[in-house]
C-alpha atoms as a PDB file:
ATOM      1  CA  UNK A   1     -20.223  79.157  48.424  1.00  0.00           C
ATOM      2  CA  UNK A   2     -20.179  79.525  52.230  1.00  0.00           C
ATOM      3  CA  UNK A   3     -23.883  78.690  52.432  1.00  0.00           C
ATOM      4  CA  UNK A   4     -23.337  75.555  50.373  1.00  0.00           C
ATOM      5  CA  UNK A   5     -20.498  74.414  52.678  1.00  0.00           C
ATOM      6  CA  UNK A   6     -22.602  75.142  55.741  1.00  0.00           C
ATOM      7  CA  UNK A   7     -25.569  73.249  54.303  1.00  0.00           C
ATOM      8  CA  UNK A   8     -23.316  70.297  53.440  1.00  0.00           C
ATOM      9  CA  UNK A   9     -21.880  70.235  56.995  1.00  0.00           C
ATOM     10  CA  UNK A  10     -25.328  70.386  58.579  1.00  0.00           C
ATOM     11  CA  UNK A  11     -26.553  67.614  56.268  1.00  0.00           C
ATOM     12  CA  UNK A  12     -23.553  65.404  57.225  1.00  0.00           C
ATOM     13  CA  UNK A  13     -24.155  65.978  60.930  1.00  0.00           C
ATOM     14  CA  UNK A  14     -27.866  65.205  60.564  1.00  0.00           C
ATOM     15  CA  UNK A  15     -27.069  61.931  58.813  1.00  0.00           C
ATOM     16  CA  UNK A  16     -24.411  60.887  61.343  1.00  0.00           C
ATOM     17  CA  UNK A  17     -26.459  61.630  64.492  1.00  0.00           C
ATOM     18  CA  UNK A  18     -28.971  58.775  64.301  1.00  0.00           C
ATOM     19  CA  UNK A  19     -26.294  56.297  63.271  1.00  0.00           C
ATOM     20  CA  UNK A  20     -24.716  56.404  66.745  1.00  0.00           C
ATOM     21  CA  UNK A  21     -27.612  54.590  68.441  1.00  0.00           C
ATOM     22  CA  UNK A  22     -27.889  51.122  66.973  1.00  0.00           C
ATOM     23  CA  UNK A  23     -30.945  49.118  68.052  1.00  0.00           C
ATOM     24  CA  UNK A  24     -30.262  45.557  69.156  1.00  0.00           C
ATOM     25  CA  UNK A  25     -32.194  42.386  68.409  1.00  0.00           C
ATOM     26  CA  UNK A  26     -32.433  39.823  71.203  1.00  0.00           C
ATOM     27  CA  UNK A  27     -33.508  36.196  70.969  1.00  0.00           C
ATOM     28  CA  UNK A  28     -35.454  36.423  74.229  1.00  0.00           C
ATOM     29  CA  UNK A  29     -37.395  39.270  75.855  1.00  0.00           C
ATOM     30  CA  UNK A  30     -35.553  38.607  79.138  1.00  0.00           C
ATOM     31  CA  UNK A  31     -32.279  39.514  77.414  1.00  0.00           C
ATOM     32  CA  UNK A  32     -33.766  42.793  76.180  1.00  0.00           C
ATOM     33  CA  UNK A  33     -34.973  43.602  79.709  1.00  0.00           C
ATOM     34  CA  UNK A  34     -31.530  42.786  81.174  1.00  0.00           C
ATOM     35  CA  UNK A  35     -29.857  44.933  78.529  1.00  0.00           C
ATOM     36  CA  UNK A  36     -32.156  47.887  79.265  1.00  0.00           C
ATOM     37  CA  UNK A  37     -31.650  47.546  83.034  1.00  0.00           C
ATOM     38  CA  UNK A  38     -27.858  47.391  82.657  1.00  0.00           C
ATOM     39  CA  UNK A  39     -27.808  50.338  80.241  1.00  0.00           C
ATOM     40  CA  UNK A  40     -29.663  52.407  82.838  1.00  0.00           C
ATOM     41  CA  UNK A  41     -27.374  51.306  85.710  1.00  0.00           C
ATOM     42  CA  UNK A  42     -24.118  52.089  83.891  1.00  0.00           C
ATOM     43  CA  UNK A  43     -22.755  55.617  83.461  1.00  0.00           C
ATOM     44  CA  UNK A  44     -21.544  57.129  80.215  1.00  0.00           C
ATOM     45  CA  UNK A  45     -17.867  57.874  80.761  1.00  0.00           C
ATOM     46  CA  UNK A  46     -17.963  60.846  78.385  1.00  0.00           C
ATOM     47  CA  UNK A  47     -21.190  62.552  79.486  1.00  0.00           C
ATOM     48  CA  UNK A  48     -20.718  61.597  83.161  1.00  0.00           C
ATOM     49  CA  UNK A  49     -24.233  62.673  84.099  1.00  0.00           C
ATOM     50  CA  UNK A  50     -26.086  60.318  81.793  1.00  0.00           C
ATOM     51  CA  UNK A  51     -26.617  56.602  81.742  1.00  0.00           C
ATOM     52  CA  UNK A  52     -25.561  54.490  78.776  1.00  0.00           C
ATOM     53  CA  UNK A  53     -29.222  54.320  77.772  1.00  0.00           C
ATOM     54  CA  UNK A  54     -29.485  58.129  77.588  1.00  0.00           C
ATOM     55  CA  UNK A  55     -26.121  59.010  76.048  1.00  0.00           C
ATOM     56  CA  UNK A  56     -25.415  59.533  72.357  1.00  0.00           C
ATOM     57  CA  UNK A  57     -21.619  59.583  72.735  1.00  0.00           C
ATOM     58  CA  UNK A  58     -19.545  57.190  70.626  1.00  0.00           C
ATOM     59  CA  UNK A  59     -17.975  55.603  73.707  1.00  0.00           C
ATOM     60  CA  UNK A  60     -21.464  54.991  75.135  1.00  0.00           C
ATOM     61  CA  UNK A  61     -22.390  53.161  71.932  1.00  0.00           C
ATOM     62  CA  UNK A  62     -19.201  51.095  72.234  1.00  0.00           C
ATOM     63  CA  UNK A  63     -20.122  50.173  75.805  1.00  0.00           C
ATOM     64  CA  UNK A  64     -23.682  49.330  74.759  1.00  0.00           C
ATOM     65  CA  UNK A  65     -22.223  47.081  72.031  1.00  0.00           C
ATOM     66  CA  UNK A  66     -20.047  45.380  74.657  1.00  0.00           C
ATOM     67  CA  UNK A  67     -23.000  44.862  77.005  1.00  0.00           C
ATOM     68  CA  UNK A  68     -25.031  43.441  74.103  1.00  0.00           C
ATOM     69  CA  UNK A  69     -22.207  41.101  73.114  1.00  0.00           C
ATOM     70  CA  UNK A  70     -21.789  39.856  76.685  1.00  0.00           C
ATOM     71  CA  UNK A  71     -25.535  39.312  77.190  1.00  0.00           C
ATOM     72  CA  UNK A  72     -25.856  37.336  73.962  1.00  0.00           C
ATOM     73  CA  UNK A  73     -22.762  35.333  74.975  1.00  0.00           C
ATOM     74  CA  UNK A  74     -24.658  34.216  78.073  1.00  0.00           C
ATOM     75  CA  UNK A  75     -22.769  36.142  80.737  1.00  0.00           C
ATOM     76  CA  UNK A  76     -24.581  37.156  83.917  1.00  0.00           C
ATOM     77  CA  UNK A  77     -25.274  40.726  84.986  1.00  0.00           C
ATOM     78  CA  UNK A  78     -22.649  40.398  87.748  1.00  0.00           C
ATOM     79  CA  UNK A  79     -20.011  39.229  85.223  1.00  0.00           C
ATOM     80  CA  UNK A  80     -20.799  42.149  82.910  1.00  0.00           C
ATOM     81  CA  UNK A  81     -20.664  44.715  85.725  1.00  0.00           C
ATOM     82  CA  UNK A  82     -17.462  43.205  87.157  1.00  0.00           C
ATOM     83  CA  UNK A  83     -15.837  43.319  83.709  1.00  0.00           C
ATOM     84  CA  UNK A  84     -16.741  46.982  83.168  1.00  0.00           C
ATOM     85  CA  UNK A  85     -15.685  47.969  86.706  1.00  0.00           C
ATOM     86  CA  UNK A  86     -12.356  46.177  86.229  1.00  0.00           C
ATOM     87  CA  UNK A  87     -11.826  48.003  82.964  1.00  0.00           C
ATOM     88  CA  UNK A  88     -13.147  51.499  83.812  1.00  0.00           C
ATOM     89  CA  UNK A  89     -13.329  51.623  87.608  1.00  0.00           C
ATOM     90  CA  UNK A  90     -16.339  52.144  89.870  1.00  0.00           C
ATOM     91  CA  UNK A  91     -17.047  55.426  88.090  1.00  0.00           C
ATOM     92  CA  UNK A  92     -18.850  53.416  85.388  1.00  0.00           C
ATOM     93  CA  UNK A  93     -21.537  52.539  87.947  1.00  0.00           C
ATOM     94  CA  UNK A  94     -24.337  55.082  88.111  1.00  0.00           C
ATOM     95  CA  UNK A  95     -24.855  54.193  91.802  1.00  0.00           C
ATOM     96  CA  UNK A  96     -21.447  53.184  93.181  1.00  0.00           C
ATOM     97  CA  UNK A  97     -21.482  51.001  96.306  1.00  0.00           C
ATOM     98  CA  UNK A  98     -20.672  52.447  99.721  1.00  0.00           C
ATOM     99  CA  UNK A  99     -17.015  51.590 100.303  1.00  0.00           C
ATOM    100  CA  UNK A 100     -13.966  53.373 101.723  1.00  0.00           C
ATOM    101  CA  UNK A 101     -13.222  54.679  98.224  1.00  0.00           C
ATOM    102  CA  UNK A 102     -16.667  56.256  97.911  1.00  0.00           C
ATOM    103  CA  UNK A 103     -17.295  57.491 101.463  1.00  0.00           C
ATOM    104  CA  UNK A 104     -16.603  61.086 100.473  1.00  0.00           C
ATOM    105  CA  UNK A 105     -19.071  60.783  97.610  1.00  0.00           C
ATOM    106  CA  UNK A 106     -21.808  59.377  99.824  1.00  0.00           C
ATOM    107  CA  UNK A 107     -21.205  61.298 103.062  1.00  0.00           C
ATOM    108  CA  UNK A 108     -19.411  64.433 101.799  1.00  0.00           C
ATOM    109  CA  UNK A 109     -22.534  66.608 101.357  1.00  0.00           C
ATOM    110  CA  UNK A 110     -23.764  65.840 104.892  1.00  0.00           C
ATOM    111  CA  UNK A 111     -20.280  66.484 106.271  1.00  0.00           C
ATOM    112  CA  UNK A 112     -20.074  69.861 104.492  1.00  0.00           C
ATOM    113  CA  UNK A 113     -23.522  70.797 105.802  1.00  0.00           C
ATOM    114  CA  UNK A 114     -22.488  69.881 109.355  1.00  0.00           C
ATOM    115  CA  UNK A 115     -19.276  71.921 109.068  1.00  0.00           C
ATOM    116  CA  UNK A 116     -21.183  74.927 107.692  1.00  0.00           C
ATOM    117  CA  UNK A 117     -23.723  74.659 110.534  1.00  0.00           C
ATOM    118  CA  UNK A 118     -20.913  74.497 113.109  1.00  0.00           C
ATOM    119  CA  UNK A 119     -19.176  77.547 111.638  1.00  0.00           C
ATOM    120  CA  UNK A 120     -22.452  79.481 111.569  1.00  0.00           C
ATOM    121  CA  UNK A 121     -23.197  78.531 115.192  1.00  0.00           C
ATOM    122  CA  UNK A 122     -19.726  79.627 116.357  1.00  0.00           C
ATOM    123  CA  UNK A 123     -19.960  82.943 114.522  1.00  0.00           C
ATOM    124  CA  UNK A 124     -23.425  83.589 115.970  1.00  0.00           C
ATOM    125  CA  UNK A 125     -22.170  82.851 119.506  1.00  0.00           C
ATOM    126  CA  UNK A 126     -19.134  85.122 119.185  1.00  0.00           C
ATOM    127  CA  UNK A 127     -21.111  88.098 117.876  1.00  0.00           C
ATOM    128  CA  UNK A 128     -20.901  90.830 120.470  1.00  0.00           C
ATOM    129  CA  UNK A 129     -24.075  91.997 122.166  1.00  0.00           C
ATOM    130  CA  UNK A 130     -25.392  95.367 121.101  1.00  0.00           C
ATOM    131  CA  UNK A 131     -24.296  98.227 123.383  1.00  0.00           C
ATOM    132  CA  UNK A 132     -26.954  99.734 125.679  1.00  0.00           C
ATOM    133  CA  UNK A 133     -29.166 102.346 124.092  1.00  0.00           C
ATOM    134  CA  UNK A 134     -27.762 105.877 124.441  1.00  0.00           C
ATOM    135  CA  UNK A 135     -30.361 108.669 124.672  1.00  0.00           C
ATOM    136  CA  UNK A 136     -27.672 111.199 123.756  1.00  0.00           C
ATOM    137  CA  UNK A 137     -27.465 109.641 120.292  1.00  0.00           C
ATOM    138  CA  UNK A 138     -31.219 110.044 119.866  1.00  0.00           C
ATOM    139  CA  UNK A 139     -30.920 113.738 120.660  1.00  0.00           C
ATOM    140  CA  UNK A 140     -28.056 114.137 118.164  1.00  0.00           C
ATOM    141  CA  UNK A 141     -30.029 112.377 115.418  1.00  0.00           C
ATOM    142  CA  UNK A 142     -33.092 114.470 116.196  1.00  0.00           C
ATOM    143  CA  UNK A 143     -31.030 117.676 115.986  1.00  0.00           C
ATOM    144  CA  UNK A 144     -29.644 116.656 112.565  1.00  0.00           C
ATOM    145  CA  UNK A 145     -32.994 115.602 111.118  1.00  0.00           C
ATOM    146  CA  UNK A 146     -35.126 118.258 112.752  1.00  0.00           C
ATOM    147  CA  UNK A 147     -37.486 115.710 114.314  1.00  0.00           C
ATOM    148  CA  UNK A 148     -38.197 115.224 117.971  1.00  0.00           C
ATOM    149  CA  UNK A 149     -36.617 112.109 119.551  1.00  0.00           C
ATOM    150  CA  UNK A 150     -40.016 110.722 120.564  1.00  0.00           C
ATOM    151  CA  UNK A 151     -41.616 110.777 117.063  1.00  0.00           C
ATOM    152  CA  UNK A 152     -41.194 107.687 114.868  1.00  0.00           C
END
């Protein structure tokens, strides 16, 4: 009974998976190229590390449907992007523009690297010099190990 339920669940998942990505028909090849370019420039809000073109999430399919609808309605790329940014914020852009809101995103890694380099430099400068070599220590080590102080 458990195997039958498991098989039924796996069968349902296998049938539902391809249904999420609906192919679109365009009247002109330029529209298909625009759609593909926009789908690669926009981020999936669920996956966050995938473009709309790569994502299989339901929300990504909804956004692809919206982009398709807007392209076939004759809206420009700028109008589509502005609409999605107004609705979802700049996070929907795979490459957000450099602005005061995104400075930390763009310049944060370099800033952290500079801070780490400064900390390392200060620690290296403050490290005390090694004390002068003491021949009495060599004699004590030699007495404990049974070796002469001159042998390596």
